Amino acid sequence: MTIKELARPYASMFRVQLIAQLQHRAAAWAGIATQFFFGFVFVMMFSAFYRDGTVVPPMPLDRLVAYQWLKQSCLMIVALWSQDGELSDQIVSGSVAYSLCRPMELYSLWAARLIANRIARWSLRCVPVLVFAALLPAPYGMIPPPGVGAALMFALSLALALLVVVGLSMYVYTLTFVMMSLTGPRLLVSTLSDFASGLLIPLPLMPDWLQRILNLLPFRYTADVPFRVYSGDLAGAAAAEAIGLQLAWVIFLGVTGWFAFRAVLRRAVIQGG
């Protein structure tokens, strides 16, 4: 059997799930309105702090504003609180048994589904948010990347961030097999991620000792790295090193997550018999 034939069922899952999620346009418009609102809130809040002028900021305001608008436009890519409830329902109800009977590797099948979900939701919301933000006057508007190289590195970094998020999400579903509830694992991981990834406070604004700790965790590589690469706050060798570490985390989470998932499945007891 060729690699193309082996990959076909996972590609089919990706395609079907992508098409299904793209139908949710009303939810997308509601999400766009919500992200406009929170984008304004964060931009105005940080602008007020910067106007104080008593402390030299570690990141220029225009880069920080770009960081905030990227956070809103790419939220469906990087937010770990956004999970697929249907997968947890399969685990809790026991209907995952039907998936286990199929001649497909379940970890890869679910990963393909999660990637499709996030890409579809992101694609419906990203462009309206960024276009609107780009039309705002300085210093509240979105700035372009400093060059073509930065734009290409941002695209690569965002793609790797998606894979890091999916790797972490698969750990959430692995824990769901153990705890029989998505609520606990999702709250634990999403709360830690929102803080450690820079979604609440950009990492450069945090104390140096705390940044050194957070740099050792995978969460930084979901949001902080791609957003700072876009604005040029991470550039050159520093950006290349950060992207290399992103790739390392993708491999580590994928390999260890696959083994953890398989170990849990071997011990799983399907409810009802």
C-alpha atoms as a PDB file:
ATOM      1  CA  MET A   1       0.000   0.000   0.000  1.00  0.00           C
ATOM      2  CA  THR A   2       1.388   3.399  -1.010  1.00  0.00           C
ATOM      3  CA  ILE A   3       1.705   6.447   1.227  1.00  0.00           C
ATOM      4  CA  LYS A   4      -1.059   8.131  -0.803  1.00  0.00           C
ATOM      5  CA  GLU A   5      -3.443   5.263  -0.123  1.00  0.00           C
ATOM      6  CA  LEU A   6      -2.537   5.245   3.577  1.00  0.00           C
ATOM      7  CA  ALA A   7      -3.166   8.996   3.862  1.00  0.00           C
ATOM      8  CA  ARG A   8      -6.434   8.970   1.886  1.00  0.00           C
ATOM      9  CA  PRO A   9      -8.869   8.312   4.801  1.00  0.00           C
ATOM     10  CA  TYR A  10      -7.252  11.039   6.929  1.00  0.00           C
ATOM     11  CA  ALA A  11      -7.338  13.475   4.017  1.00  0.00           C
ATOM     12  CA  SER A  12     -11.010  12.603   3.518  1.00  0.00           C
ATOM     13  CA  MET A  13     -11.743  13.295   7.186  1.00  0.00           C
ATOM     14  CA  PHE A  14      -9.939  16.636   6.882  1.00  0.00           C
ATOM     15  CA  ARG A  15     -11.910  17.602   3.762  1.00  0.00           C
ATOM     16  CA  VAL A  16     -15.322  16.557   5.102  1.00  0.00           C
ATOM     17  CA  GLN A  17     -14.792  18.311   8.439  1.00  0.00           C
ATOM     18  CA  LEU A  18     -13.489  21.460   6.736  1.00  0.00           C
ATOM     19  CA  ILE A  19     -16.564  21.682   4.502  1.00  0.00           C
ATOM     20  CA  ALA A  20     -18.899  21.037   7.441  1.00  0.00           C
ATOM     21  CA  GLN A  21     -17.347  23.763   9.595  1.00  0.00           C
ATOM     22  CA  LEU A  22     -17.401  26.315   6.772  1.00  0.00           C
ATOM     23  CA  GLN A  23     -21.224  26.141   6.824  1.00  0.00           C
ATOM     24  CA  HIS A  24     -21.376  27.839  10.252  1.00  0.00           C
ATOM     25  CA  ARG A  25     -21.381  31.386   8.909  1.00  0.00           C
ATOM     26  CA  ALA A  26     -23.797  32.857  11.460  1.00  0.00           C
ATOM     27  CA  ALA A  27     -21.559  31.670  14.303  1.00  0.00           C
ATOM     28  CA  ALA A  28     -18.588  33.167  12.470  1.00  0.00           C
ATOM     29  CA  TRP A  29     -20.244  36.600  12.229  1.00  0.00           C
ATOM     30  CA  ALA A  30     -21.081  36.477  15.928  1.00  0.00           C
ATOM     31  CA  GLY A  31     -17.461  35.569  16.638  1.00  0.00           C
ATOM     32  CA  ILE A  32     -16.194  38.425  14.469  1.00  0.00           C
ATOM     33  CA  ALA A  33     -18.307  40.935  16.398  1.00  0.00           C
ATOM     34  CA  THR A  34     -17.045  39.530  19.695  1.00  0.00           C
ATOM     35  CA  GLN A  35     -13.425  39.686  18.558  1.00  0.00           C
ATOM     36  CA  PHE A  36     -13.818  43.283  17.348  1.00  0.00           C
ATOM     37  CA  PHE A  37     -15.088  44.217  20.799  1.00  0.00           C
ATOM     38  CA  PHE A  38     -12.333  42.472  22.737  1.00  0.00           C
ATOM     39  CA  GLY A  39      -9.722  43.736  20.292  1.00  0.00           C
ATOM     40  CA  PHE A  40     -10.762  47.306  21.052  1.00  0.00           C
ATOM     41  CA  VAL A  41     -10.782  46.604  24.781  1.00  0.00           C
ATOM     42  CA  PHE A  42      -7.217  45.248  24.816  1.00  0.00           C
ATOM     43  CA  VAL A  43      -5.855  47.880  22.415  1.00  0.00           C
ATOM     44  CA  MET A  44      -7.343  50.761  24.408  1.00  0.00           C
ATOM     45  CA  MET A  45      -6.194  49.244  27.701  1.00  0.00           C
ATOM     46  CA  PHE A  46      -2.571  48.858  26.617  1.00  0.00           C
ATOM     47  CA  SER A  47      -2.605  52.278  24.921  1.00  0.00           C
ATOM     48  CA  ALA A  48      -3.628  53.837  28.244  1.00  0.00           C
ATOM     49  CA  PHE A  49      -0.734  52.092  30.006  1.00  0.00           C
ATOM     50  CA  TYR A  50       1.716  53.304  27.381  1.00  0.00           C
ATOM     51  CA  ARG A  51       0.510  56.910  27.644  1.00  0.00           C
ATOM     52  CA  ASP A  52       1.554  56.939  31.298  1.00  0.00           C
ATOM     53  CA  GLY A  53       5.181  57.259  30.170  1.00  0.00           C
ATOM     54  CA  THR A  54       6.782  56.443  33.524  1.00  0.00           C
ATOM     55  CA  VAL A  55       8.378  53.183  32.311  1.00  0.00           C
ATOM     56  CA  VAL A  56      10.187  52.427  29.055  1.00  0.00           C
ATOM     57  CA  PRO A  57       8.057  49.695  27.419  1.00  0.00           C
ATOM     58  CA  PRO A  58       9.797  46.474  26.313  1.00  0.00           C
ATOM     59  CA  MET A  59       7.738  46.413  23.100  1.00  0.00           C
ATOM     60  CA  PRO A  60       6.772  49.421  20.936  1.00  0.00           C
ATOM     61  CA  LEU A  61       3.069  50.250  20.969  1.00  0.00           C
ATOM     62  CA  ASP A  62       2.524  49.588  17.245  1.00  0.00           C
ATOM     63  CA  ARG A  63       3.922  46.061  17.633  1.00  0.00           C
ATOM     64  CA  LEU A  64       1.833  45.480  20.729  1.00  0.00           C
ATOM     65  CA  VAL A  65      -1.295  46.619  18.870  1.00  0.00           C
ATOM     66  CA  ALA A  66      -0.482  44.261  15.990  1.00  0.00           C
ATOM     67  CA  TYR A  67      -0.044  41.487  18.574  1.00  0.00           C
ATOM     68  CA  GLN A  68      -3.553  42.173  19.922  1.00  0.00           C
ATOM     69  CA  TRP A  69      -5.247  42.194  16.521  1.00  0.00           C
ATOM     70  CA  LEU A  70      -3.431  39.026  15.487  1.00  0.00           C
ATOM     71  CA  LYS A  71      -4.634  37.438  18.705  1.00  0.00           C
ATOM     72  CA  GLN A  72      -8.222  38.234  17.786  1.00  0.00           C
ATOM     73  CA  SER A  73      -7.943  37.218  14.132  1.00  0.00           C
ATOM     74  CA  CYS A  74      -6.091  33.962  14.857  1.00  0.00           C
ATOM     75  CA  LEU A  75      -7.941  33.029  18.042  1.00  0.00           C
ATOM     76  CA  MET A  76      -9.422  29.874  16.516  1.00  0.00           C
ATOM     77  CA  ILE A  77      -5.904  28.703  15.659  1.00  0.00           C
ATOM     78  CA  VAL A  78      -4.223  29.300  19.024  1.00  0.00           C
ATOM     79  CA  ALA A  79      -6.941  29.124  21.708  1.00  0.00           C
ATOM     80  CA  LEU A  80      -6.811  25.829  23.592  1.00  0.00           C
ATOM     81  CA  TRP A  81     -10.205  26.396  25.219  1.00  0.00           C
ATOM     82  CA  SER A  82     -11.787  25.803  21.798  1.00  0.00           C
ATOM     83  CA  GLN A  83     -12.211  22.022  21.653  1.00  0.00           C
ATOM     84  CA  ASP A  84     -14.369  19.585  19.678  1.00  0.00           C
ATOM     85  CA  GLY A  85     -17.190  18.562  21.984  1.00  0.00           C
ATOM     86  CA  GLU A  86     -18.258  15.724  19.691  1.00  0.00           C
ATOM     87  CA  LEU A  87     -15.022  13.852  20.370  1.00  0.00           C
ATOM     88  CA  SER A  88     -15.459  14.094  24.139  1.00  0.00           C
ATOM     89  CA  ASP A  89     -19.075  12.958  23.754  1.00  0.00           C
ATOM     90  CA  GLN A  90     -17.834   9.873  21.898  1.00  0.00           C
ATOM     91  CA  ILE A  91     -15.475   9.069  24.758  1.00  0.00           C
ATOM     92  CA  VAL A  92     -18.004   9.594  27.545  1.00  0.00           C
ATOM     93  CA  SER A  93     -20.911   7.835  25.802  1.00  0.00           C
ATOM     94  CA  GLY A  94     -18.797   4.918  24.591  1.00  0.00           C
ATOM     95  CA  SER A  95     -19.619   5.484  20.928  1.00  0.00           C
ATOM     96  CA  VAL A  96     -15.877   5.801  20.325  1.00  0.00           C
ATOM     97  CA  ALA A  97     -16.066   2.000  19.988  1.00  0.00           C
ATOM     98  CA  TYR A  98     -17.384   2.491  16.441  1.00  0.00           C
ATOM     99  CA  SER A  99     -14.302   4.540  15.541  1.00  0.00           C
ATOM    100  CA  LEU A 100     -12.022   1.916  17.064  1.00  0.00           C
ATOM    101  CA  CYS A 101     -13.567  -0.731  14.787  1.00  0.00           C
ATOM    102  CA  ARG A 102     -12.573   1.172  11.667  1.00  0.00           C
ATOM    103  CA  PRO A 103      -9.313   0.263   9.931  1.00  0.00           C
ATOM    104  CA  MET A 104      -7.801   3.677  10.672  1.00  0.00           C
ATOM    105  CA  GLU A 105      -5.402   4.968  13.284  1.00  0.00           C
ATOM    106  CA  LEU A 106      -7.587   6.965  15.690  1.00  0.00           C
ATOM    107  CA  TYR A 107      -4.966   9.475  16.885  1.00  0.00           C
ATOM    108  CA  SER A 108      -4.193  10.607  13.325  1.00  0.00           C
ATOM    109  CA  LEU A 109      -7.885  10.620  12.387  1.00  0.00           C
ATOM    110  CA  TRP A 110      -8.810  12.890  15.287  1.00  0.00           C
ATOM    111  CA  ALA A 111      -5.780  15.123  14.688  1.00  0.00           C
ATOM    112  CA  ALA A 112      -6.880  15.620  11.069  1.00  0.00           C
ATOM    113  CA  ARG A 113     -10.362  16.505  12.304  1.00  0.00           C
ATOM    114  CA  LEU A 114      -9.021  19.046  14.812  1.00  0.00           C
ATOM    115  CA  ILE A 115      -6.796  20.683  12.202  1.00  0.00           C
ATOM    116  CA  ALA A 116      -9.744  21.035   9.822  1.00  0.00           C
ATOM    117  CA  ASN A 117     -11.965  22.504  12.550  1.00  0.00           C
ATOM    118  CA  ARG A 118      -9.456  25.187  13.466  1.00  0.00           C
ATOM    119  CA  ILE A 119      -8.560  26.115   9.891  1.00  0.00           C
ATOM    120  CA  ALA A 120     -12.236  26.463   8.939  1.00  0.00           C
ATOM    121  CA  ARG A 121     -13.118  28.644  11.933  1.00  0.00           C
ATOM    122  CA  TRP A 122     -10.010  30.758  11.451  1.00  0.00           C
ATOM    123  CA  SER A 123     -10.596  31.268   7.716  1.00  0.00           C
ATOM    124  CA  LEU A 124     -14.115  32.598   8.320  1.00  0.00           C
ATOM    125  CA  ARG A 125     -12.965  35.196  10.871  1.00  0.00           C
ATOM    126  CA  CYS A 126      -9.399  36.173  10.042  1.00  0.00           C
ATOM    127  CA  VAL A 127      -9.782  38.430   7.000  1.00  0.00           C
ATOM    128  CA  PRO A 128     -12.687  40.620   8.281  1.00  0.00           C
ATOM    129  CA  VAL A 129     -10.883  41.291  11.560  1.00  0.00           C
ATOM    130  CA  LEU A 130      -7.557  42.128   9.906  1.00  0.00           C
ATOM    131  CA  VAL A 131      -9.104  44.317   7.193  1.00  0.00           C
ATOM    132  CA  PHE A 132     -11.074  46.292   9.767  1.00  0.00           C
ATOM    133  CA  ALA A 133      -8.022  46.634  12.022  1.00  0.00           C
ATOM    134  CA  ALA A 134      -5.863  47.810   9.103  1.00  0.00           C
ATOM    135  CA  LEU A 135      -8.312  50.653   8.397  1.00  0.00           C
ATOM    136  CA  LEU A 136      -8.081  52.061  11.917  1.00  0.00           C
ATOM    137  CA  PRO A 137      -5.893  55.152  12.481  1.00  0.00           C
ATOM    138  CA  ALA A 138      -2.564  54.924  14.281  1.00  0.00           C
ATOM    139  CA  PRO A 139      -1.813  53.845  16.931  1.00  0.00           C
ATOM    140  CA  TYR A 140      -4.928  51.665  17.074  1.00  0.00           C
ATOM    141  CA  GLY A 141      -4.625  50.058  13.647  1.00  0.00           C
ATOM    142  CA  MET A 142      -2.861  46.984  12.346  1.00  0.00           C
ATOM    143  CA  ILE A 143       0.624  47.484  10.916  1.00  0.00           C
ATOM    144  CA  PRO A 144       1.981  45.370   8.034  1.00  0.00           C
ATOM    145  CA  PRO A 145       4.948  43.052   8.584  1.00  0.00           C
ATOM    146  CA  PRO A 146       8.335  44.753   8.117  1.00  0.00           C
ATOM    147  CA  GLY A 147       9.091  42.756   4.975  1.00  0.00           C
ATOM    148  CA  VAL A 148       8.333  39.735   2.810  1.00  0.00           C
ATOM    149  CA  GLY A 149      10.709  37.604   4.856  1.00  0.00           C
ATOM    150  CA  ALA A 150       8.857  38.405   8.070  1.00  0.00           C
ATOM    151  CA  ALA A 151       5.517  37.613   6.393  1.00  0.00           C
ATOM    152  CA  LEU A 152       6.776  34.223   5.183  1.00  0.00           C
ATOM    153  CA  MET A 153       8.267  33.379   8.571  1.00  0.00           C
ATOM    154  CA  PHE A 154       4.976  34.359  10.205  1.00  0.00           C
ATOM    155  CA  ALA A 155       3.036  32.022   7.904  1.00  0.00           C
ATOM    156  CA  LEU A 156       5.403  29.155   8.748  1.00  0.00           C
ATOM    157  CA  SER A 157       5.296  29.939  12.459  1.00  0.00           C
ATOM    158  CA  LEU A 158       1.477  30.108  12.490  1.00  0.00           C
ATOM    159  CA  ALA A 159       1.265  26.721  10.746  1.00  0.00           C
ATOM    160  CA  LEU A 160       3.592  25.208  13.351  1.00  0.00           C
ATOM    161  CA  ALA A 161       1.566  26.896  16.113  1.00  0.00           C
ATOM    162  CA  LEU A 162      -1.524  25.110  14.807  1.00  0.00           C
ATOM    163  CA  LEU A 163       0.254  21.762  15.052  1.00  0.00           C
ATOM    164  CA  VAL A 164       1.460  22.540  18.591  1.00  0.00           C
ATOM    165  CA  VAL A 165      -2.119  23.383  19.598  1.00  0.00           C
ATOM    166  CA  VAL A 166      -3.438  20.163  18.057  1.00  0.00           C
ATOM    167  CA  GLY A 167      -0.728  18.166  19.855  1.00  0.00           C
ATOM    168  CA  LEU A 168      -1.745  19.725  23.171  1.00  0.00           C
ATOM    169  CA  SER A 169      -5.433  19.189  22.362  1.00  0.00           C
ATOM    170  CA  MET A 170      -4.851  15.489  21.807  1.00  0.00           C
ATOM    171  CA  TYR A 171      -3.433  15.317  25.324  1.00  0.00           C
ATOM    172  CA  VAL A 172      -6.726  16.851  26.527  1.00  0.00           C
ATOM    173  CA  TYR A 173      -8.673  14.031  24.869  1.00  0.00           C
ATOM    174  CA  THR A 174      -6.236  11.468  26.257  1.00  0.00           C
ATOM    175  CA  LEU A 175      -6.980  12.795  29.752  1.00  0.00           C
ATOM    176  CA  THR A 176     -10.696  12.686  28.943  1.00  0.00           C
ATOM    177  CA  PHE A 177     -10.420   8.900  28.556  1.00  0.00           C
ATOM    178  CA  VAL A 178      -9.054   8.780  32.108  1.00  0.00           C
ATOM    179  CA  MET A 179     -11.326  11.348  33.776  1.00  0.00           C
ATOM    180  CA  MET A 180     -14.451  10.686  31.658  1.00  0.00           C
ATOM    181  CA  SER A 181     -15.061  14.424  31.361  1.00  0.00           C
ATOM    182  CA  LEU A 182     -13.686  17.089  29.043  1.00  0.00           C
ATOM    183  CA  THR A 183     -14.334  19.907  31.524  1.00  0.00           C
ATOM    184  CA  GLY A 184     -11.438  19.291  33.903  1.00  0.00           C
ATOM    185  CA  PRO A 185      -8.664  18.725  31.319  1.00  0.00           C
ATOM    186  CA  ARG A 186      -9.875  21.610  29.153  1.00  0.00           C
ATOM    187  CA  LEU A 187     -10.028  24.078  32.052  1.00  0.00           C
ATOM    188  CA  LEU A 188      -6.604  23.027  33.298  1.00  0.00           C
ATOM    189  CA  VAL A 189      -4.857  23.267  29.937  1.00  0.00           C
ATOM    190  CA  SER A 190      -6.704  26.328  28.621  1.00  0.00           C
ATOM    191  CA  THR A 191      -6.175  28.381  31.797  1.00  0.00           C
ATOM    192  CA  LEU A 192      -2.463  27.627  31.801  1.00  0.00           C
ATOM    193  CA  SER A 193      -2.220  28.233  28.068  1.00  0.00           C
ATOM    194  CA  ASP A 194      -4.001  31.606  28.103  1.00  0.00           C
ATOM    195  CA  PHE A 195      -1.446  32.905  30.605  1.00  0.00           C
ATOM    196  CA  ALA A 196       1.701  31.136  29.387  1.00  0.00           C
ATOM    197  CA  SER A 197       1.125  31.742  25.671  1.00  0.00           C
ATOM    198  CA  GLY A 198       0.721  35.506  25.963  1.00  0.00           C
ATOM    199  CA  LEU A 199      -2.994  35.624  25.149  1.00  0.00           C
ATOM    200  CA  LEU A 200      -3.707  37.534  28.361  1.00  0.00           C
ATOM    201  CA  ILE A 201      -0.486  39.531  28.701  1.00  0.00           C
ATOM    202  CA  PRO A 202       2.213  39.495  25.999  1.00  0.00           C
ATOM    203  CA  LEU A 203       5.285  37.708  27.324  1.00  0.00           C
ATOM    204  CA  PRO A 204       7.698  40.659  26.788  1.00  0.00           C
ATOM    205  CA  LEU A 205       5.668  42.633  29.356  1.00  0.00           C
ATOM    206  CA  MET A 206       6.245  39.985  32.024  1.00  0.00           C
ATOM    207  CA  PRO A 207       9.212  39.895  34.451  1.00  0.00           C
ATOM    208  CA  ASP A 208      12.416  38.369  33.079  1.00  0.00           C
ATOM    209  CA  TRP A 209      12.430  35.514  35.601  1.00  0.00           C
ATOM    210  CA  LEU A 210       8.886  34.538  34.624  1.00  0.00           C
ATOM    211  CA  GLN A 211       9.704  34.705  30.914  1.00  0.00           C
ATOM    212  CA  ARG A 212      12.593  32.272  31.441  1.00  0.00           C
ATOM    213  CA  ILE A 213      10.202  29.780  32.998  1.00  0.00           C
ATOM    214  CA  LEU A 214       7.509  30.196  30.335  1.00  0.00           C
ATOM    215  CA  ASN A 215      10.090  29.802  27.558  1.00  0.00           C
ATOM    216  CA  LEU A 216      10.548  26.200  28.720  1.00  0.00           C
ATOM    217  CA  LEU A 217       6.872  25.365  28.156  1.00  0.00           C
ATOM    218  CA  PRO A 218       5.174  24.640  24.810  1.00  0.00           C
ATOM    219  CA  PHE A 219       2.454  27.277  25.249  1.00  0.00           C
ATOM    220  CA  ARG A 220       4.670  30.169  24.185  1.00  0.00           C
ATOM    221  CA  TYR A 221       4.965  28.579  20.752  1.00  0.00           C
ATOM    222  CA  THR A 222       1.221  28.729  20.101  1.00  0.00           C
ATOM    223  CA  ALA A 223       0.715  32.509  20.137  1.00  0.00           C
ATOM    224  CA  ASP A 224       3.675  34.555  21.365  1.00  0.00           C
ATOM    225  CA  VAL A 225       6.170  33.406  18.739  1.00  0.00           C
ATOM    226  CA  PRO A 226       4.102  33.812  15.534  1.00  0.00           C
ATOM    227  CA  PHE A 227       2.632  37.160  16.616  1.00  0.00           C
ATOM    228  CA  ARG A 228       6.035  38.631  17.456  1.00  0.00           C
ATOM    229  CA  VAL A 229       7.568  37.250  14.270  1.00  0.00           C
ATOM    230  CA  TYR A 230       4.880  39.089  12.281  1.00  0.00           C
ATOM    231  CA  SER A 231       5.687  42.495  13.791  1.00  0.00           C
ATOM    232  CA  GLY A 232       9.456  42.041  13.684  1.00  0.00           C
ATOM    233  CA  ASP A 233       9.764  41.905  17.467  1.00  0.00           C
ATOM    234  CA  LEU A 234      11.375  38.511  16.840  1.00  0.00           C
ATOM    235  CA  ALA A 235      13.603  38.747  13.782  1.00  0.00           C
ATOM    236  CA  GLY A 236      16.676  37.207  12.236  1.00  0.00           C
ATOM    237  CA  ALA A 237      18.453  34.535  14.277  1.00  0.00           C
ATOM    238  CA  ALA A 238      16.036  34.930  17.207  1.00  0.00           C
ATOM    239  CA  ALA A 239      13.038  34.235  14.947  1.00  0.00           C
ATOM    240  CA  ALA A 240      14.759  31.272  13.290  1.00  0.00           C
ATOM    241  CA  GLU A 241      15.633  29.803  16.691  1.00  0.00           C
ATOM    242  CA  ALA A 242      12.055  30.238  17.941  1.00  0.00           C
ATOM    243  CA  ILE A 243      10.627  28.561  14.834  1.00  0.00           C
ATOM    244  CA  GLY A 244      13.122  25.711  15.226  1.00  0.00           C
ATOM    245  CA  LEU A 245      11.911  25.211  18.795  1.00  0.00           C
ATOM    246  CA  GLN A 246       8.329  25.236  17.529  1.00  0.00           C
ATOM    247  CA  LEU A 247       9.180  22.387  15.175  1.00  0.00           C
ATOM    248  CA  ALA A 248      10.860  20.500  18.012  1.00  0.00           C
ATOM    249  CA  TRP A 249       7.713  20.848  20.142  1.00  0.00           C
ATOM    250  CA  VAL A 250       5.534  19.647  17.241  1.00  0.00           C
ATOM    251  CA  ILE A 251       7.618  16.479  16.972  1.00  0.00           C
ATOM    252  CA  PHE A 252       7.819  15.946  20.737  1.00  0.00           C
ATOM    253  CA  LEU A 253       4.086  16.443  21.340  1.00  0.00           C
ATOM    254  CA  GLY A 254       3.170  14.304  18.342  1.00  0.00           C
ATOM    255  CA  VAL A 255       5.379  11.352  19.291  1.00  0.00           C
ATOM    256  CA  THR A 256       4.735  11.362  23.032  1.00  0.00           C
ATOM    257  CA  GLY A 257       1.047  12.125  22.514  1.00  0.00           C
ATOM    258  CA  TRP A 258       0.648   9.165  20.153  1.00  0.00           C
ATOM    259  CA  PHE A 259       2.220   6.767  22.654  1.00  0.00           C
ATOM    260  CA  ALA A 260       0.152   8.190  25.540  1.00  0.00           C
ATOM    261  CA  PHE A 261      -3.028   7.897  23.483  1.00  0.00           C
ATOM    262  CA  ARG A 262      -2.271   4.292  22.544  1.00  0.00           C
ATOM    263  CA  ALA A 263      -1.481   3.427  26.167  1.00  0.00           C
ATOM    264  CA  VAL A 264      -4.823   4.848  27.326  1.00  0.00           C
ATOM    265  CA  LEU A 265      -6.731   3.022  24.584  1.00  0.00           C
ATOM    266  CA  ARG A 266      -5.228  -0.317  25.625  1.00  0.00           C
ATOM    267  CA  ARG A 267      -6.669   0.184  29.114  1.00  0.00           C
ATOM    268  CA  ALA A 268      -9.980   1.782  28.069  1.00  0.00           C
ATOM    269  CA  VAL A 269     -13.255   0.125  29.037  1.00  0.00           C
ATOM    270  CA  ILE A 270     -16.190   1.060  26.844  1.00  0.00           C
ATOM    271  CA  GLN A 271     -19.265   1.942  28.871  1.00  0.00           C
ATOM    272  CA  GLY A 272     -22.043  -0.555  28.551  1.00  0.00           C
ATOM    273  CA  GLY A 273     -19.928  -3.697  28.272  1.00  0.00           C
END
